[in-house]
Structures are given as C-alpha cells and as structure tokens.
Amino acid sequence: MKPSFKGREAIVNDKPVNEYFLTQKASANLNLREVPGVLKAENYGFAIRKGDDKLRARLDKVLDEIRADGTYDKIYAKWFGGNK
C-alpha cells in the first residue's frame, strides 16, 4: 500500500504503526520525524474468557519462552525495525 498524505503536515498513529511505517521504503522520500514524548500511553493485552486458566497459563508460558529464547526480539525487529 502506497501512503497518500495529500497536503497533511502531521499524522498521529500508535507508536508500533509509526515504527513499522518508518522501516518501509515508501517512507524514504518523505521528510518524517518522530516528535518526542507520548500523547497517550495505552497498554494492550489478550482477552481470555473468565475462568479459562488453562489458556491463560499456556499464553503466559509461550510468552515467557519467546522472551527467553530471543524470538520476541526477532519478531519485534522484523516488524518494527529494532529491539524493544
């Protein structure tokens, strides 16, 4: 998808969206820069049905494993252009 800014002078997105966009070739011809600071911080997570302890434990285990073996950092670098 080719971005079209058509006269816009600023764009506000979630940080992961901006980080990904800045890694793409389409952004190379644009004069883009990140403004320091955070407008609003939001946390994201998984929604799990109440009482589904088995699924919660499984997700926790997998997240711990991918953080420990470096997979999380590889995924983050691939999609957002750096380590978190």
PDB file of N, CA and C in Angstrom:
ATOM      1  N   MET A   1       0.844  -1.175   0.000  1.00  0.00           N
ATOM      2  CA  MET A   1       0.000   0.000   0.000  1.00  0.00           C
ATOM      3  C   MET A   1       0.889   1.239   0.000  1.00  0.00           C
ATOM      4  N   LYS A   2       0.646   2.128  -0.925  1.00  0.00           N
ATOM      5  CA  LYS A   2       1.413   3.368  -1.008  1.00  0.00           C
ATOM      6  C   LYS A   2       0.698   4.445  -0.191  1.00  0.00           C
ATOM      7  N   PRO A   3       1.409   5.097   0.723  1.00  0.00           N
ATOM      8  CA  PRO A   3       0.757   6.129   1.535  1.00  0.00           C
ATOM      9  C   PRO A   3       0.427   7.369   0.719  1.00  0.00           C
ATOM     10  N   SER A   4      -0.644   8.015   1.076  1.00  0.00           N
ATOM     11  CA  SER A   4      -1.034   9.255   0.425  1.00  0.00           C
ATOM     12  C   SER A   4      -1.339  10.281   1.508  1.00  0.00           C
ATOM     13  N   PHE A   5      -0.513  11.312   1.589  1.00  0.00           N
ATOM     14  CA  PHE A   5      -0.691  12.309   2.636  1.00  0.00           C
ATOM     15  C   PHE A   5      -1.403  13.559   2.135  1.00  0.00           C
ATOM     16  N   LYS A   6      -1.420  13.800   0.837  1.00  0.00           N
ATOM     17  CA  LYS A   6      -2.187  14.868   0.185  1.00  0.00           C
ATOM     18  C   LYS A   6      -2.336  16.136   1.023  1.00  0.00           C
ATOM     19  N   GLY A   7      -1.235  16.807   1.289  1.00  0.00           N
ATOM     20  CA  GLY A   7      -1.294  18.086   1.978  1.00  0.00           C
ATOM     21  C   GLY A   7      -1.270  18.017   3.490  1.00  0.00           C
ATOM     22  N   ARG A   8      -1.303  16.850   4.044  1.00  0.00           N
ATOM     23  CA  ARG A   8      -1.259  16.736   5.503  1.00  0.00           C
ATOM     24  C   ARG A   8       0.144  17.061   5.994  1.00  0.00           C
ATOM     25  N   GLU A   9       0.231  17.738   7.099  1.00  0.00           N
ATOM     26  CA  GLU A   9       1.528  18.096   7.658  1.00  0.00           C
ATOM     27  C   GLU A   9       1.883  17.268   8.877  1.00  0.00           C
ATOM     28  N   ALA A  10       0.929  16.525   9.401  1.00  0.00           N
ATOM     29  CA  ALA A  10       1.203  15.688  10.569  1.00  0.00           C
ATOM     30  C   ALA A  10       0.261  14.492  10.567  1.00  0.00           C
ATOM     31  N   ILE A  11       0.762  13.411  11.107  1.00  0.00           N
ATOM     32  CA  ILE A  11      -0.043  12.203  11.257  1.00  0.00           C
ATOM     33  C   ILE A  11       0.218  11.661  12.656  1.00  0.00           C
ATOM     34  N   VAL A  12      -0.833  11.268  13.332  1.00  0.00           N
ATOM     35  CA  VAL A  12      -0.701  10.683  14.662  1.00  0.00           C
ATOM     36  C   VAL A  12      -1.203   9.243  14.583  1.00  0.00           C
ATOM     37  N   ASN A  13      -0.342   8.318  14.942  1.00  0.00           N
ATOM     38  CA  ASN A  13      -0.674   6.899  14.971  1.00  0.00           C
ATOM     39  C   ASN A  13      -0.138   6.297  16.252  1.00  0.00           C
ATOM     40  N   ASP A  14      -0.484   5.039  16.469  1.00  0.00           N
ATOM     41  CA  ASP A  14       0.145   4.293  17.553  1.00  0.00           C
ATOM     42  C   ASP A  14       1.622   4.131  17.241  1.00  0.00           C
ATOM     43  N   LYS A  15       2.450   4.128  18.269  1.00  0.00           N
ATOM     44  CA  LYS A  15       3.900   4.019  18.091  1.00  0.00           C
ATOM     45  C   LYS A  15       4.305   2.804  17.255  1.00  0.00           C
ATOM     46  N   PRO A  16       3.750   1.605  17.491  1.00  0.00           N
ATOM     47  CA  PRO A  16       4.141   0.472  16.651  1.00  0.00           C
ATOM     48  C   PRO A  16       3.825   0.674  15.172  1.00  0.00           C
ATOM     49  N   VAL A  17       2.714   1.338  14.880  1.00  0.00           N
ATOM     50  CA  VAL A  17       2.363   1.615  13.488  1.00  0.00           C
ATOM     51  C   VAL A  17       3.407   2.541  12.870  1.00  0.00           C
ATOM     52  N   ASN A  18       3.767   3.595  13.580  1.00  0.00           N
ATOM     53  CA  ASN A  18       4.781   4.528  13.073  1.00  0.00           C
ATOM     54  C   ASN A  18       6.136   3.857  12.925  1.00  0.00           C
ATOM     55  N   GLU A  19       6.533   3.048  13.904  1.00  0.00           N
ATOM     56  CA  GLU A  19       7.828   2.372  13.828  1.00  0.00           C
ATOM     57  C   GLU A  19       7.887   1.458  12.614  1.00  0.00           C
ATOM     58  N   TYR A  20       6.804   0.738  12.353  1.00  0.00           N
ATOM     59  CA  TYR A  20       6.769  -0.139  11.182  1.00  0.00           C
ATOM     60  C   TYR A  20       6.834   0.695   9.901  1.00  0.00           C
ATOM     61  N   PHE A  21       6.027   1.737   9.820  1.00  0.00           N
ATOM     62  CA  PHE A  21       5.996   2.566   8.615  1.00  0.00           C
ATOM     63  C   PHE A  21       7.371   3.137   8.297  1.00  0.00           C
ATOM     64  N   LEU A  22       8.098   3.559   9.317  1.00  0.00           N
ATOM     65  CA  LEU A  22       9.418   4.148   9.096  1.00  0.00           C
ATOM     66  C   LEU A  22      10.437   3.137   8.581  1.00  0.00           C
ATOM     67  N   THR A  23      10.145   1.843   8.705  1.00  0.00           N
ATOM     68  CA  THR A  23      11.047   0.819   8.164  1.00  0.00           C
ATOM     69  C   THR A  23      10.760   0.526   6.698  1.00  0.00           C
ATOM     70  N   GLN A  24       9.696   1.073   6.148  1.00  0.00           N
ATOM     71  CA  GLN A  24       9.284   0.765   4.781  1.00  0.00           C
ATOM     72  C   GLN A  24       9.883   1.747   3.780  1.00  0.00           C
ATOM     73  N   LYS A  25      10.118   1.263   2.566  1.00  0.00           N
ATOM     74  CA  LYS A  25      10.705   2.095   1.508  1.00  0.00           C
ATOM     75  C   LYS A  25       9.835   3.302   1.181  1.00  0.00           C
ATOM     76  N   ALA A  26       8.529   3.154   1.312  1.00  0.00           N
ATOM     77  CA  ALA A  26       7.620   4.257   0.983  1.00  0.00           C
ATOM     78  C   ALA A  26       7.904   5.495   1.818  1.00  0.00           C
ATOM     79  N   SER A  27       8.449   5.318   3.005  1.00  0.00           N
ATOM     80  CA  SER A  27       8.703   6.467   3.873  1.00  0.00           C
ATOM     81  C   SER A  27      10.018   7.168   3.545  1.00  0.00           C
ATOM     82  N   ALA A  28      10.851   6.566   2.701  1.00  0.00           N
ATOM     83  CA  ALA A  28      12.189   7.113   2.421  1.00  0.00           C
ATOM     84  C   ALA A  28      12.139   8.483   1.745  1.00  0.00           C
ATOM     85  N   ASN A  29      11.138   8.739   0.932  1.00  0.00           N
ATOM     86  CA  ASN A  29      11.053  10.003   0.195  1.00  0.00           C
ATOM     87  C   ASN A  29      10.289  11.087   0.952  1.00  0.00           C
ATOM     88  N   LEU A  30       9.896  10.788   2.152  1.00  0.00           N
ATOM     89  CA  LEU A  30       9.132  11.752   2.939  1.00  0.00           C
ATOM     90  C   LEU A  30      10.007  12.316   4.047  1.00  0.00           C
ATOM     91  N   ASN A  31       9.765  13.543   4.405  1.00  0.00           N
ATOM     92  CA  ASN A  31      10.512  14.171   5.494  1.00  0.00           C
ATOM     93  C   ASN A  31       9.786  13.875   6.805  1.00  0.00           C
ATOM     94  N   LEU A  32      10.047  12.686   7.347  1.00  0.00           N
ATOM     95  CA  LEU A  32       9.349  12.257   8.552  1.00  0.00           C
ATOM     96  C   LEU A  32      10.270  12.297   9.753  1.00  0.00           C
ATOM     97  N   ARG A  33       9.701  12.633  10.885  1.00  0.00           N
ATOM     98  CA  ARG A  33      10.455  12.562  12.126  1.00  0.00           C
ATOM     99  C   ARG A  33       9.473  12.332  13.269  1.00  0.00           C
ATOM    100  N   GLU A  34       9.991  11.720  14.297  1.00  0.00           N
ATOM    101  CA  GLU A  34       9.175  11.443  15.468  1.00  0.00           C
ATOM    102  C   GLU A  34       9.247  12.625  16.423  1.00  0.00           C
ATOM    103  N   VAL A  35       8.116  13.050  16.899  1.00  0.00           N
ATOM    104  CA  VAL A  35       8.060  14.117  17.887  1.00  0.00           C
ATOM    105  C   VAL A  35       8.254  13.469  19.254  1.00  0.00           C
ATOM    106  N   PRO A  36       9.178  13.985  20.055  1.00  0.00           N
ATOM    107  CA  PRO A  36       9.424  13.363  21.359  1.00  0.00           C
ATOM    108  C   PRO A  36       8.215  13.450  22.276  1.00  0.00           C
ATOM    109  N   GLY A  37       8.125  12.482  23.149  1.00  0.00           N
ATOM    110  CA  GLY A  37       7.035  12.467  24.114  1.00  0.00           C
ATOM    111  C   GLY A  37       5.913  11.545  23.683  1.00  0.00           C
ATOM    112  N   VAL A  38       5.022  11.308  24.592  1.00  0.00           N
ATOM    113  CA  VAL A  38       3.895  10.422  24.350  1.00  0.00           C
ATOM    114  C   VAL A  38       2.621  11.217  24.581  1.00  0.00           C
ATOM    115  N   LEU A  39       1.723  11.175  23.604  1.00  0.00           N
ATOM    116  CA  LEU A  39       0.447  11.866  23.781  1.00  0.00           C
ATOM    117  C   LEU A  39      -0.435  11.119  24.773  1.00  0.00           C
ATOM    118  N   LYS A  40      -0.474   9.813  24.596  1.00  0.00           N
ATOM    119  CA  LYS A  40      -1.280   8.983  25.488  1.00  0.00           C
ATOM    120  C   LYS A  40      -0.729   7.563  25.439  1.00  0.00           C
ATOM    121  N   ALA A  41      -0.412   7.015  26.583  1.00  0.00           N
ATOM    122  CA  ALA A  41       0.088   5.641  26.644  1.00  0.00           C
ATOM    123  C   ALA A  41      -1.084   4.689  26.845  1.00  0.00           C
ATOM    124  N   GLU A  42      -1.089   3.614  26.074  1.00  0.00           N
ATOM    125  CA  GLU A  42      -2.122   2.593  26.202  1.00  0.00           C
ATOM    126  C   GLU A  42      -1.455   1.235  26.316  1.00  0.00           C
ATOM    127  N   ASN A  43      -1.993   0.399  27.147  1.00  0.00           N
ATOM    128  CA  ASN A  43      -1.497  -0.962  27.265  1.00  0.00           C
ATOM    129  C   ASN A  43      -2.395  -1.889  26.461  1.00  0.00           C
ATOM    130  N   TYR A  44      -1.799  -2.895  25.886  1.00  0.00           N
ATOM    131  CA  TYR A  44      -2.539  -3.874  25.107  1.00  0.00           C
ATOM    132  C   TYR A  44      -2.354  -5.242  25.732  1.00  0.00           C
ATOM    133  N   GLY A  45      -3.275  -6.116  25.487  1.00  0.00           N
ATOM    134  CA  GLY A  45      -3.165  -7.456  26.044  1.00  0.00           C
ATOM    135  C   GLY A  45      -4.099  -8.421  25.332  1.00  0.00           C
ATOM    136  N   PHE A  46      -4.165  -9.604  25.847  1.00  0.00           N
ATOM    137  CA  PHE A  46      -5.046 -10.634  25.317  1.00  0.00           C
ATOM    138  C   PHE A  46      -6.312 -10.678  26.156  1.00  0.00           C
ATOM    139  N   ALA A  47      -7.436 -10.885  25.506  1.00  0.00           N
ATOM    140  CA  ALA A  47      -8.690 -11.105  26.221  1.00  0.00           C
ATOM    141  C   ALA A  47      -8.926 -12.611  26.277  1.00  0.00           C
ATOM    142  N   ILE A  48      -9.125 -13.110  27.478  1.00  0.00           N
ATOM    143  CA  ILE A  48      -9.331 -14.539  27.688  1.00  0.00           C
ATOM    144  C   ILE A  48     -10.617 -14.707  28.487  1.00  0.00           C
ATOM    145  N   ARG A  49     -11.392 -15.686  28.076  1.00  0.00           N
ATOM    146  CA  ARG A  49     -12.650 -15.942  28.771  1.00  0.00           C
ATOM    147  C   ARG A  49     -12.392 -16.174  30.268  1.00  0.00           C
ATOM    148  N   LYS A  50     -13.203 -15.546  31.098  1.00  0.00           N
ATOM    149  CA  LYS A  50     -13.069 -15.681  32.548  1.00  0.00           C
ATOM    150  C   LYS A  50     -13.107 -17.159  32.934  1.00  0.00           C
ATOM    151  N   GLY A  51     -12.149 -17.538  33.758  1.00  0.00           N
ATOM    152  CA  GLY A  51     -12.094 -18.914  34.227  1.00  0.00           C
ATOM    153  C   GLY A  51     -11.306 -19.858  33.330  1.00  0.00           C
ATOM    154  N   ASP A  52     -10.817 -19.356  32.194  1.00  0.00           N
ATOM    155  CA  ASP A  52     -10.045 -20.217  31.289  1.00  0.00           C
ATOM    156  C   ASP A  52      -8.573 -20.194  31.704  1.00  0.00           C
ATOM    157  N   ASP A  53      -8.319 -20.761  32.859  1.00  0.00           N
ATOM    158  CA  ASP A  53      -6.968 -20.756  33.420  1.00  0.00           C
ATOM    159  C   ASP A  53      -5.983 -21.547  32.567  1.00  0.00           C
ATOM    160  N   LYS A  54      -6.479 -22.572  31.896  1.00  0.00           N
ATOM    161  CA  LYS A  54      -5.607 -23.397  31.050  1.00  0.00           C
ATOM    162  C   LYS A  54      -5.049 -22.564  29.891  1.00  0.00           C
ATOM    163  N   LEU A  55      -5.907 -21.800  29.221  1.00  0.00           N
ATOM    164  CA  LEU A  55      -5.450 -20.958  28.109  1.00  0.00           C
ATOM    165  C   LEU A  55      -4.532 -19.848  28.618  1.00  0.00           C
ATOM    166  N   ARG A  56      -4.888 -19.223  29.736  1.00  0.00           N
ATOM    167  CA  ARG A  56      -4.044 -18.161  30.296  1.00  0.00           C
ATOM    168  C   ARG A  56      -2.654 -18.687  30.627  1.00  0.00           C
ATOM    169  N   ALA A  57      -2.599 -19.855  31.250  1.00  0.00           N
ATOM    170  CA  ALA A  57      -1.307 -20.453  31.602  1.00  0.00           C
ATOM    171  C   ALA A  57      -0.499 -20.783  30.347  1.00  0.00           C
ATOM    172  N   ARG A  58      -1.185 -21.262  29.327  1.00  0.00           N
ATOM    173  CA  ARG A  58      -0.496 -21.589  28.066  1.00  0.00           C
ATOM    174  C   ARG A  58       0.084 -20.337  27.414  1.00  0.00           C
ATOM    175  N   LEU A  59      -0.710 -19.257  27.353  1.00  0.00           N
ATOM    176  CA  LEU A  59      -0.223 -17.995  26.783  1.00  0.00           C
ATOM    177  C   LEU A  59       0.947 -17.444  27.592  1.00  0.00           C
ATOM    178  N   ASP A  60       0.829 -17.451  28.908  1.00  0.00           N
ATOM    179  CA  ASP A  60       1.921 -16.971  29.762  1.00  0.00           C
ATOM    180  C   ASP A  60       3.200 -17.758  29.506  1.00  0.00           C
ATOM    181  N   LYS A  61       3.066 -19.079  29.381  1.00  0.00           N
ATOM    182  CA  LYS A  61       4.226 -19.943  29.160  1.00  0.00           C
ATOM    183  C   LYS A  61       4.893 -19.622  27.822  1.00  0.00           C
ATOM    184  N   VAL A  62       4.087 -19.505  26.781  1.00  0.00           N
ATOM    185  CA  VAL A  62       4.639 -19.222  25.450  1.00  0.00           C
ATOM    186  C   VAL A  62       5.305 -17.845  25.424  1.00  0.00           C
ATOM    187  N   LEU A  63       4.682 -16.849  26.025  1.00  0.00           N
ATOM    188  CA  LEU A  63       5.290 -15.515  26.064  1.00  0.00           C
ATOM    189  C   LEU A  63       6.610 -15.530  26.827  1.00  0.00           C
ATOM    190  N   ASP A  64       6.656 -16.242  27.935  1.00  0.00           N
ATOM    191  CA  ASP A  64       7.915 -16.367  28.687  1.00  0.00           C
ATOM    192  C   ASP A  64       8.990 -17.041  27.841  1.00  0.00           C
ATOM    193  N   GLU A  65       8.604 -18.093  27.110  1.00  0.00           N
ATOM    194  CA  GLU A  65       9.563 -18.832  26.284  1.00  0.00           C
ATOM    195  C   GLU A  65      10.124 -17.978  25.150  1.00  0.00           C
ATOM    196  N   ILE A  66       9.246 -17.242  24.459  1.00  0.00           N
ATOM    197  CA  ILE A  66       9.753 -16.463  23.318  1.00  0.00           C
ATOM    198  C   ILE A  66      10.574 -15.262  23.773  1.00  0.00           C
ATOM    199  N   ARG A  67      10.314 -14.771  24.957  1.00  0.00           N
ATOM    200  CA  ARG A  67      11.176 -13.712  25.502  1.00  0.00           C
ATOM    201  C   ARG A  67      12.540 -14.287  25.884  1.00  0.00           C
ATOM    202  N   ALA A  68      12.535 -15.467  26.487  1.00  0.00           N
ATOM    203  CA  ALA A  68      13.776 -16.081  26.966  1.00  0.00           C
ATOM    204  C   ALA A  68      14.690 -16.519  25.826  1.00  0.00           C
ATOM    205  N   ASP A  69      14.114 -17.023  24.720  1.00  0.00           N
ATOM    206  CA  ASP A  69      14.965 -17.549  23.641  1.00  0.00           C
ATOM    207  C   ASP A  69      15.265 -16.532  22.539  1.00  0.00           C
ATOM    208  N   GLY A  70      14.780 -15.293  22.704  1.00  0.00           N
ATOM    209  CA  GLY A  70      15.087 -14.246  21.733  1.00  0.00           C
ATOM    210  C   GLY A  70      14.103 -14.121  20.584  1.00  0.00           C
ATOM    211  N   THR A  71      13.124 -15.014  20.509  1.00  0.00           N
ATOM    212  CA  THR A  71      12.144 -14.966  19.421  1.00  0.00           C
ATOM    213  C   THR A  71      11.347 -13.667  19.449  1.00  0.00           C
ATOM    214  N   TYR A  72      10.970 -13.218  20.640  1.00  0.00           N
ATOM    215  CA  TYR A  72      10.202 -11.974  20.762  1.00  0.00           C
ATOM    216  C   TYR A  72      10.969 -10.807  20.140  1.00  0.00           C
ATOM    217  N   ASP A  73      12.262 -10.690  20.469  1.00  0.00           N
ATOM    218  CA  ASP A  73      13.073  -9.597  19.924  1.00  0.00           C
ATOM    219  C   ASP A  73      13.201  -9.697  18.407  1.00  0.00           C
ATOM    220  N   LYS A  74      13.302 -10.916  17.875  1.00  0.00           N
ATOM    221  CA  LYS A  74      13.391 -11.101  16.417  1.00  0.00           C
ATOM    222  C   LYS A  74      12.104 -10.654  15.734  1.00  0.00           C
ATOM    223  N   ILE A  75      10.971 -11.034  16.308  1.00  0.00           N
ATOM    224  CA  ILE A  75       9.680 -10.624  15.744  1.00  0.00           C
ATOM    225  C   ILE A  75       9.547  -9.106  15.810  1.00  0.00           C
ATOM    226  N   TYR A  76       9.897  -8.529  16.944  1.00  0.00           N
ATOM    227  CA  TYR A  76       9.806  -7.079  17.108  1.00  0.00           C
ATOM    228  C   TYR A  76      10.695  -6.365  16.091  1.00  0.00           C
ATOM    229  N   ALA A  77      11.923  -6.856  15.926  1.00  0.00           N
ATOM    230  CA  ALA A  77      12.857  -6.240  14.976  1.00  0.00           C
ATOM    231  C   ALA A  77      12.338  -6.349  13.551  1.00  0.00           C
ATOM    232  N   LYS A  78      11.758  -7.477  13.200  1.00  0.00           N
ATOM    233  CA  LYS A  78      11.236  -7.667  11.841  1.00  0.00           C
ATOM    234  C   LYS A  78      10.129  -6.667  11.526  1.00  0.00           C
ATOM    235  N   TRP A  79       9.203  -6.490  12.447  1.00  0.00           N
ATOM    236  CA  TRP A  79       8.029  -5.672  12.166  1.00  0.00           C
ATOM    237  C   TRP A  79       8.176  -4.208  12.562  1.00  0.00           C
ATOM    238  N   PHE A  80       9.060  -3.898  13.522  1.00  0.00           N
ATOM    239  CA  PHE A  80       9.174  -2.524  13.993  1.00  0.00           C
ATOM    240  C   PHE A  80      10.564  -1.942  13.841  1.00  0.00           C
ATOM    241  N   GLY A  81      11.506  -2.706  13.305  1.00  0.00           N
ATOM    242  CA  GLY A  81      12.816  -2.169  12.957  1.00  0.00           C
ATOM    243  C   GLY A  81      13.800  -1.999  14.092  1.00  0.00           C
ATOM    244  N   GLY A  82      13.636  -2.669  15.188  1.00  0.00           N
ATOM    245  CA  GLY A  82      14.595  -2.573  16.280  1.00  0.00           C
ATOM    246  C   GLY A  82      14.161  -3.416  17.444  1.00  0.00           C
ATOM    247  N   ASN A  83      15.014  -3.508  18.431  1.00  0.00           N
ATOM    248  CA  ASN A  83      14.667  -4.274  19.626  1.00  0.00           C
ATOM    249  C   ASN A  83      13.914  -3.410  20.614  1.00  0.00           C
ATOM    250  N   LYS A  84      12.989  -4.027  21.292  1.00  0.00           N
ATOM    251  CA  LYS A  84      12.215  -3.317  22.306  1.00  0.00           C
ATOM    252  C   LYS A  84      12.949  -3.360  23.601  1.00  0.00           C
TER     253      LYS A  84
END
